[in-house]
PDB file of all heavy atoms in Angstrom:
ATOM      1  N   MET A   1      -4.697  33.333  65.986  1.00  0.00           N
ATOM      2  CA  MET A   1      -5.755  33.701  66.932  1.00  0.00           C
ATOM      3  C   MET A   1      -6.484  34.957  66.463  1.00  0.00           C
ATOM      4  O   MET A   1      -7.716  35.049  66.577  1.00  0.00           O
ATOM      5  CB  MET A   1      -5.156  33.904  68.324  1.00  0.00           C
ATOM      6  CG  MET A   1      -4.739  32.595  68.980  1.00  0.00           C
ATOM      7  SD  MET A   1      -3.783  32.756  70.509  1.00  0.00           S
ATOM      8  CE  MET A   1      -4.666  33.960  71.426  1.00  0.00           C
ATOM      9  N   MET A   2      -5.763  35.922  65.921  1.00  0.00           N
ATOM     10  CA  MET A   2      -6.400  37.138  65.410  1.00  0.00           C
ATOM     11  C   MET A   2      -7.312  36.807  64.230  1.00  0.00           C
ATOM     12  O   MET A   2      -8.412  37.358  64.106  1.00  0.00           O
ATOM     13  CB  MET A   2      -5.336  38.156  65.003  1.00  0.00           C
ATOM     14  CG  MET A   2      -4.629  38.785  66.177  1.00  0.00           C
ATOM     15  SD  MET A   2      -3.162  39.750  65.744  1.00  0.00           S
ATOM     16  CE  MET A   2      -3.765  40.845  64.502  1.00  0.00           C
ATOM     17  N   HIS A   3      -6.869  35.902  63.376  1.00  0.00           N
ATOM     18  CA  HIS A   3      -7.680  35.501  62.223  1.00  0.00           C
ATOM     19  C   HIS A   3      -8.963  34.808  62.696  1.00  0.00           C
ATOM     20  O   HIS A   3     -10.048  35.094  62.178  1.00  0.00           O
ATOM     21  CB  HIS A   3      -6.861  34.569  61.321  1.00  0.00           C
ATOM     22  CG  HIS A   3      -7.606  34.062  60.143  1.00  0.00           C
ATOM     23  ND1 HIS A   3      -7.987  34.865  59.100  1.00  0.00           N
ATOM     24  CD2 HIS A   3      -8.075  32.830  59.845  1.00  0.00           C
ATOM     25  CE1 HIS A   3      -8.641  34.150  58.213  1.00  0.00           C
ATOM     26  NE2 HIS A   3      -8.714  32.908  58.650  1.00  0.00           N
ATOM     27  N   ARG A   4      -8.828  33.917  63.671  1.00  0.00           N
ATOM     28  CA  ARG A   4     -10.013  33.235  64.218  1.00  0.00           C
ATOM     29  C   ARG A   4     -10.984  34.229  64.838  1.00  0.00           C
ATOM     30  O   ARG A   4     -12.190  34.147  64.645  1.00  0.00           O
ATOM     31  CB  ARG A   4      -9.581  32.226  65.283  1.00  0.00           C
ATOM     32  CG  ARG A   4      -9.601  30.814  64.793  1.00  0.00           C
ATOM     33  CD  ARG A   4      -9.341  29.794  65.870  1.00  0.00           C
ATOM     34  NE  ARG A   4      -9.973  30.090  67.133  1.00  0.00           N
ATOM     35  CZ  ARG A   4      -9.527  29.681  68.304  1.00  0.00           C
ATOM     36  NH1 ARG A   4      -8.432  28.969  68.368  1.00  0.00           N
ATOM     37  NH2 ARG A   4     -10.156  29.971  69.407  1.00  0.00           N
ATOM     38  N   ALA A   5     -10.459  35.176  65.601  1.00  0.00           N
ATOM     39  CA  ALA A   5     -11.311  36.183  66.239  1.00  0.00           C
ATOM     40  C   ALA A   5     -12.004  37.042  65.182  1.00  0.00           C
ATOM     41  O   ALA A   5     -13.177  37.381  65.326  1.00  0.00           O
ATOM     42  CB  ALA A   5     -10.479  37.054  67.176  1.00  0.00           C
ATOM     43  N   SER A   6     -11.291  37.356  64.125  1.00  0.00           N
ATOM     44  CA  SER A   6     -11.872  38.158  63.050  1.00  0.00           C
ATOM     45  C   SER A   6     -13.015  37.416  62.370  1.00  0.00           C
ATOM     46  O   SER A   6     -14.072  37.997  62.101  1.00  0.00           O
ATOM     47  CB  SER A   6     -10.785  38.511  62.028  1.00  0.00           C
ATOM     48  OG  SER A   6     -11.339  39.200  60.943  1.00  0.00           O
ATOM     49  N   ARG A   7     -12.820  36.144  62.106  1.00  0.00           N
ATOM     50  CA  ARG A   7     -13.884  35.346  61.490  1.00  0.00           C
ATOM     51  C   ARG A   7     -15.088  35.231  62.419  1.00  0.00           C
ATOM     52  O   ARG A   7     -16.235  35.299  61.980  1.00  0.00           O
ATOM     53  CB  ARG A   7     -13.356  33.970  61.107  1.00  0.00           C
ATOM     54  CG  ARG A   7     -12.361  34.045  59.943  1.00  0.00           C
ATOM     55  CD  ARG A   7     -11.893  32.718  59.504  1.00  0.00           C
ATOM     56  NE  ARG A   7     -13.016  31.984  58.921  1.00  0.00           N
ATOM     57  CZ  ARG A   7     -12.946  30.741  58.529  1.00  0.00           C
ATOM     58  NH1 ARG A   7     -11.821  30.078  58.647  1.00  0.00           N
ATOM     59  NH2 ARG A   7     -13.986  30.142  58.010  1.00  0.00           N
ATOM     60  N   SER A   8     -14.817  35.080  63.705  1.00  0.00           N
ATOM     61  CA  SER A   8     -15.905  35.002  64.682  1.00  0.00           C
ATOM     62  C   SER A   8     -16.681  36.319  64.714  1.00  0.00           C
ATOM     63  O   SER A   8     -17.919  36.316  64.744  1.00  0.00           O
ATOM     64  CB  SER A   8     -15.326  34.691  66.063  1.00  0.00           C
ATOM     65  OG  SER A   8     -16.341  34.692  67.027  1.00  0.00           O
ATOM     66  N   ARG A   9     -15.968  37.439  64.703  1.00  0.00           N
ATOM     67  CA  ARG A   9     -16.641  38.742  64.676  1.00  0.00           C
ATOM     68  C   ARG A   9     -17.440  38.915  63.396  1.00  0.00           C
ATOM     69  O   ARG A   9     -18.535  39.476  63.413  1.00  0.00           O
ATOM     70  CB  ARG A   9     -15.619  39.872  64.795  1.00  0.00           C
ATOM     71  CG  ARG A   9     -15.203  40.176  66.210  1.00  0.00           C
ATOM     72  CD  ARG A   9     -14.413  41.464  66.299  1.00  0.00           C
ATOM     73  NE  ARG A   9     -13.286  41.524  65.400  1.00  0.00           N
ATOM     74  CZ  ARG A   9     -12.073  41.048  65.653  1.00  0.00           C
ATOM     75  NH1 ARG A   9     -11.844  40.459  66.807  1.00  0.00           N
ATOM     76  NH2 ARG A   9     -11.109  41.154  64.776  1.00  0.00           N
ATOM     77  N   ASP A  10     -16.901  38.452  62.273  1.00  0.00           N
ATOM     78  CA  ASP A  10     -17.626  38.547  61.000  1.00  0.00           C
ATOM     79  C   ASP A  10     -18.939  37.763  61.068  1.00  0.00           C
ATOM     80  O   ASP A  10     -19.982  38.248  60.612  1.00  0.00           O
ATOM     81  CB  ASP A  10     -16.775  38.031  59.842  1.00  0.00           C
ATOM     82  CG  ASP A  10     -15.651  38.978  59.470  1.00  0.00           C
ATOM     83  OD1 ASP A  10     -15.691  40.144  59.913  1.00  0.00           O
ATOM     84  OD2 ASP A  10     -14.745  38.550  58.732  1.00  0.00           O
ATOM     85  N   ARG A  11     -18.888  36.551  61.632  1.00  0.00           N
ATOM     86  CA  ARG A  11     -20.113  35.753  61.752  1.00  0.00           C
ATOM     87  C   ARG A  11     -21.123  36.454  62.673  1.00  0.00           C
ATOM     88  O   ARG A  11     -22.314  36.505  62.382  1.00  0.00           O
ATOM     89  CB  ARG A  11     -19.793  34.353  62.265  1.00  0.00           C
ATOM     90  CG  ARG A  11     -19.194  33.440  61.218  1.00  0.00           C
ATOM     91  CD  ARG A  11     -19.150  31.999  61.693  1.00  0.00           C
ATOM     92  NE  ARG A  11     -18.328  31.809  62.878  1.00  0.00           N
ATOM     93  CZ  ARG A  11     -17.029  31.569  62.860  1.00  0.00           C
ATOM     94  NH1 ARG A  11     -16.381  31.494  61.718  1.00  0.00           N
ATOM     95  NH2 ARG A  11     -16.366  31.384  63.980  1.00  0.00           N
ATOM     96  N   ALA A  12     -20.637  36.991  63.771  1.00  0.00           N
ATOM     97  CA  ALA A  12     -21.526  37.699  64.704  1.00  0.00           C
ATOM     98  C   ALA A  12     -22.124  38.929  64.029  1.00  0.00           C
ATOM     99  O   ALA A  12     -23.312  39.218  64.179  1.00  0.00           O
ATOM    100  CB  ALA A  12     -20.761  38.092  65.967  1.00  0.00           C
ATOM    101  N   MET A  13     -21.311  39.643  63.270  1.00  0.00           N
ATOM    102  CA  MET A  13     -21.799  40.839  62.586  1.00  0.00           C
ATOM    103  C   MET A  13     -22.823  40.479  61.517  1.00  0.00           C
ATOM    104  O   MET A  13     -23.811  41.199  61.332  1.00  0.00           O
ATOM    105  CB  MET A  13     -20.623  41.600  61.968  1.00  0.00           C
ATOM    106  CG  MET A  13     -21.015  42.936  61.446  1.00  0.00           C
ATOM    107  SD  MET A  13     -21.721  43.907  62.780  1.00  0.00           S
ATOM    108  CE  MET A  13     -21.081  45.466  62.413  1.00  0.00           C
ATOM    109  N   ASP A  14     -22.611  39.362  60.829  1.00  0.00           N
ATOM    110  CA  ASP A  14     -23.589  38.908  59.836  1.00  0.00           C
ATOM    111  C   ASP A  14     -24.927  38.610  60.507  1.00  0.00           C
ATOM    112  O   ASP A  14     -25.985  38.964  59.986  1.00  0.00           O
ATOM    113  CB  ASP A  14     -23.088  37.666  59.097  1.00  0.00           C
ATOM    114  CG  ASP A  14     -21.972  37.970  58.116  1.00  0.00           C
ATOM    115  OD1 ASP A  14     -21.790  39.156  57.773  1.00  0.00           O
ATOM    116  OD2 ASP A  14     -21.281  37.021  57.687  1.00  0.00           O
ATOM    117  N   ALA A  15     -24.875  37.963  61.670  1.00  0.00           N
ATOM    118  CA  ALA A  15     -26.111  37.643  62.395  1.00  0.00           C
ATOM    119  C   ALA A  15     -26.815  38.924  62.834  1.00  0.00           C
ATOM    120  O   ALA A  15     -28.041  39.050  62.706  1.00  0.00           O
ATOM    121  CB  ALA A  15     -25.807  36.760  63.609  1.00  0.00           C
ATOM    122  N   VAL A  16     -26.050  39.893  63.321  1.00  0.00           N
ATOM    123  CA  VAL A  16     -26.634  41.166  63.740  1.00  0.00           C
ATOM    124  C   VAL A  16     -27.249  41.887  62.539  1.00  0.00           C
ATOM    125  O   VAL A  16     -28.344  42.451  62.621  1.00  0.00           O
ATOM    126  CB  VAL A  16     -25.567  42.054  64.421  1.00  0.00           C
ATOM    127  CG1 VAL A  16     -26.043  43.486  64.574  1.00  0.00           C
ATOM    128  CG2 VAL A  16     -25.184  41.478  65.770  1.00  0.00           C
ATOM    129  N   GLU A  17     -26.542  41.846  61.418  1.00  0.00           N
ATOM    130  CA  GLU A  17     -27.035  42.510  60.209  1.00  0.00           C
ATOM    131  C   GLU A  17     -28.335  41.869  59.720  1.00  0.00           C
ATOM    132  O   GLU A  17     -29.286  42.579  59.364  1.00  0.00           O
ATOM    133  CB  GLU A  17     -25.970  42.438  59.120  1.00  0.00           C
ATOM    134  CG  GLU A  17     -26.293  43.253  57.898  1.00  0.00           C
ATOM    135  CD  GLU A  17     -25.159  43.244  56.892  1.00  0.00           C
ATOM    136  OE1 GLU A  17     -23.990  43.348  57.299  1.00  0.00           O
ATOM    137  OE2 GLU A  17     -25.453  43.143  55.691  1.00  0.00           O
ATOM    138  N   LYS A  18     -28.392  40.542  59.734  1.00  0.00           N
ATOM    139  CA  LYS A  18     -29.621  39.857  59.308  1.00  0.00           C
ATOM    140  C   LYS A  18     -30.787  40.197  60.232  1.00  0.00           C
ATOM    141  O   LYS A  18     -31.898  40.445  59.774  1.00  0.00           O
ATOM    142  CB  LYS A  18     -29.404  38.345  59.264  1.00  0.00           C
ATOM    143  CG  LYS A  18     -28.583  37.898  58.082  1.00  0.00           C
ATOM    144  CD  LYS A  18     -28.377  36.398  58.101  1.00  0.00           C
ATOM    145  CE  LYS A  18     -27.470  35.984  56.953  1.00  0.00           C
ATOM    146  NZ  LYS A  18     -27.151  34.570  56.987  1.00  0.00           N
ATOM    147  N   GLU A  19     -30.523  40.205  61.532  1.00  0.00           N
ATOM    148  CA  GLU A  19     -31.572  40.556  62.496  1.00  0.00           C
ATOM    149  C   GLU A  19     -32.020  42.002  62.285  1.00  0.00           C
ATOM    150  O   GLU A  19     -33.211  42.304  62.335  1.00  0.00           O
ATOM    151  CB  GLU A  19     -31.065  40.353  63.926  1.00  0.00           C
ATOM    152  CG  GLU A  19     -32.043  40.755  65.003  1.00  0.00           C
ATOM    153  CD  GLU A  19     -33.323  39.939  65.020  1.00  0.00           C
ATOM    154  OE1 GLU A  19     -33.374  38.853  64.410  1.00  0.00           O
ATOM    155  OE2 GLU A  19     -34.283  40.400  65.647  1.00  0.00           O
ATOM    156  N   SER A  20     -31.079  42.878  62.035  1.00  0.00           N
ATOM    157  CA  SER A  20     -31.410  44.280  61.800  1.00  0.00           C
ATOM    158  C   SER A  20     -32.261  44.434  60.542  1.00  0.00           C
ATOM    159  O   SER A  20     -33.240  45.193  60.534  1.00  0.00           O
ATOM    160  CB  SER A  20     -30.124  45.098  61.664  1.00  0.00           C
ATOM    161  OG  SER A  20     -30.407  46.429  61.351  1.00  0.00           O
ATOM    162  N   GLU A  21     -31.902  43.718  59.495  1.00  0.00           N
ATOM    163  CA  GLU A  21     -32.689  43.774  58.261  1.00  0.00           C
ATOM    164  C   GLU A  21     -34.103  43.231  58.492  1.00  0.00           C
ATOM    165  O   GLU A  21     -35.077  43.791  57.985  1.00  0.00           O
ATOM    166  CB  GLU A  21     -31.994  42.992  57.153  1.00  0.00           C
ATOM    167  CG  GLU A  21     -30.758  43.671  56.611  1.00  0.00           C
ATOM    168  CD  GLU A  21     -29.992  42.817  55.618  1.00  0.00           C
ATOM    169  OE1 GLU A  21     -30.432  41.681  55.324  1.00  0.00           O
ATOM    170  OE2 GLU A  21     -28.955  43.285  55.135  1.00  0.00           O
ATOM    171  N   ARG A  22     -34.224  42.152  59.278  1.00  0.00           N
ATOM    172  CA  ARG A  22     -35.534  41.585  59.574  1.00  0.00           C
ATOM    173  C   ARG A  22     -36.387  42.580  60.355  1.00  0.00           C
ATOM    174  O   ARG A  22     -37.553  42.813  60.023  1.00  0.00           O
ATOM    175  CB  ARG A  22     -35.374  40.293  60.380  1.00  0.00           C
ATOM    176  CG  ARG A  22     -36.703  39.571  60.653  1.00  0.00           C
ATOM    177  CD  ARG A  22     -36.541  38.452  61.683  1.00  0.00           C
ATOM    178  NE  ARG A  22     -36.168  38.933  62.997  1.00  0.00           N
ATOM    179  CZ  ARG A  22     -36.995  39.521  63.861  1.00  0.00           C
ATOM    180  NH1 ARG A  22     -38.253  39.732  63.544  1.00  0.00           N
ATOM    181  NH2 ARG A  22     -36.575  39.909  65.044  1.00  0.00           N
ATOM    182  N   ARG A  23     -35.783  43.197  61.368  1.00  0.00           N
ATOM    183  CA  ARG A  23     -36.518  44.170  62.167  1.00  0.00           C
ATOM    184  C   ARG A  23     -36.902  45.391  61.335  1.00  0.00           C
ATOM    185  O   ARG A  23     -37.987  45.954  61.516  1.00  0.00           O
ATOM    186  CB  ARG A  23     -35.689  44.571  63.381  1.00  0.00           C
ATOM    187  CG  ARG A  23     -35.546  43.411  64.372  1.00  0.00           C
ATOM    188  CD  ARG A  23     -34.568  43.700  65.462  1.00  0.00           C
ATOM    189  NE  ARG A  23     -35.126  44.672  66.388  1.00  0.00           N
ATOM    190  CZ  ARG A  23     -34.443  45.209  67.378  1.00  0.00           C
ATOM    191  NH1 ARG A  23     -33.186  44.859  67.562  1.00  0.00           N
ATOM    192  NH2 ARG A  23     -34.996  46.092  68.178  1.00  0.00           N
ATOM    193  N   HIS A  24     -36.019  45.794  60.434  1.00  0.00           N
ATOM    194  CA  HIS A  24     -36.323  46.928  59.563  1.00  0.00           C
ATOM    195  C   HIS A  24     -37.509  46.588  58.661  1.00  0.00           C
ATOM    196  O   HIS A  24     -38.405  47.427  58.467  1.00  0.00           O
ATOM    197  CB  HIS A  24     -35.098  47.296  58.723  1.00  0.00           C
ATOM    198  CG  HIS A  24     -35.350  48.389  57.744  1.00  0.00           C
ATOM    199  ND1 HIS A  24     -35.530  49.691  58.116  1.00  0.00           N
ATOM    200  CD2 HIS A  24     -35.474  48.361  56.397  1.00  0.00           C
ATOM    201  CE1 HIS A  24     -35.751  50.422  57.049  1.00  0.00           C
ATOM    202  NE2 HIS A  24     -35.719  49.649  55.988  1.00  0.00           N
ATOM    203  N   ALA A  25     -37.501  45.383  58.111  1.00  0.00           N
ATOM    204  CA  ALA A  25     -38.605  44.967  57.239  1.00  0.00           C
ATOM    205  C   ALA A  25     -39.922  44.952  58.023  1.00  0.00           C
ATOM    206  O   ALA A  25     -40.962  45.402  57.514  1.00  0.00           O
ATOM    207  CB  ALA A  25     -38.321  43.589  56.642  1.00  0.00           C
ATOM    208  N   GLU A  26     -39.879  44.470  59.264  1.00  0.00           N
ATOM    209  CA  GLU A  26     -41.088  44.472  60.099  1.00  0.00           C
ATOM    210  C   GLU A  26     -41.559  45.898  60.367  1.00  0.00           C
ATOM    211  O   GLU A  26     -42.755  46.186  60.303  1.00  0.00           O
ATOM    212  CB  GLU A  26     -40.812  43.769  61.431  1.00  0.00           C
ATOM    213  CG  GLU A  26     -40.713  42.273  61.344  1.00  0.00           C
ATOM    214  CD  GLU A  26     -40.397  41.640  62.696  1.00  0.00           C
ATOM    215  OE1 GLU A  26     -40.303  42.381  63.709  1.00  0.00           O
ATOM    216  OE2 GLU A  26     -40.255  40.412  62.733  1.00  0.00           O
ATOM    217  N   ALA A  27     -40.625  46.768  60.668  1.00  0.00           N
ATOM    218  CA  ALA A  27     -40.984  48.163  60.951  1.00  0.00           C
ATOM    219  C   ALA A  27     -41.573  48.834  59.717  1.00  0.00           C
ATOM    220  O   ALA A  27     -42.549  49.588  59.824  1.00  0.00           O
ATOM    221  CB  ALA A  27     -39.758  48.933  61.437  1.00  0.00           C
ATOM    222  N   MET A  28     -41.001  48.553  58.560  1.00  0.00           N
ATOM    223  CA  MET A  28     -41.516  49.153  57.328  1.00  0.00           C
ATOM    224  C   MET A  28     -42.908  48.609  57.000  1.00  0.00           C
ATOM    225  O   MET A  28     -43.781  49.343  56.533  1.00  0.00           O
ATOM    226  CB  MET A  28     -40.553  48.912  56.167  1.00  0.00           C
ATOM    227  CG  MET A  28     -39.243  49.667  56.313  1.00  0.00           C
ATOM    228  SD  MET A  28     -39.434  51.440  56.590  1.00  0.00           S
ATOM    229  CE  MET A  28     -40.075  51.947  55.017  1.00  0.00           C
ATOM    230  N   ALA A  29     -43.137  47.323  57.261  1.00  0.00           N
ATOM    231  CA  ALA A  29     -44.461  46.740  57.028  1.00  0.00           C
ATOM    232  C   ALA A  29     -45.480  47.375  57.982  1.00  0.00           C
ATOM    233  O   ALA A  29     -46.600  47.725  57.573  1.00  0.00           O
ATOM    234  CB  ALA A  29     -44.425  45.228  57.225  1.00  0.00           C
ATOM    235  N   ALA A  30     -45.098  47.555  59.240  1.00  0.00           N
ATOM    236  CA  ALA A  30     -46.000  48.198  60.210  1.00  0.00           C
ATOM    237  C   ALA A  30     -46.270  49.641  59.795  1.00  0.00           C
ATOM    238  O   ALA A  30     -47.401  50.127  59.901  1.00  0.00           O
ATOM    239  CB  ALA A  30     -45.389  48.147  61.613  1.00  0.00           C
ATOM    240  N   HIS A  31     -45.242  50.314  59.313  1.00  0.00           N
ATOM    241  CA  HIS A  31     -45.409  51.693  58.852  1.00  0.00           C
ATOM    242  C   HIS A  31     -46.372  51.740  57.666  1.00  0.00           C
ATOM    243  O   HIS A  31     -47.233  52.631  57.604  1.00  0.00           O
ATOM    244  CB  HIS A  31     -44.057  52.292  58.472  1.00  0.00           C
ATOM    245  CG  HIS A  31     -44.137  53.672  57.933  1.00  0.00           C
ATOM    246  ND1 HIS A  31     -44.512  54.748  58.705  1.00  0.00           N
ATOM    247  CD2 HIS A  31     -43.909  54.168  56.695  1.00  0.00           C
ATOM    248  CE1 HIS A  31     -44.508  55.832  57.968  1.00  0.00           C
ATOM    249  NE2 HIS A  31     -44.136  55.511  56.738  1.00  0.00           N
TER     250      HIS A  31
END
């Protein structure tokens, strides 16, 4: 169960990281 939860958190963190990178790129383009 801990391994499954860890993998789930990793996937969620990857999604957050991708969204953050996208928003950063948009902000830099606007800048």
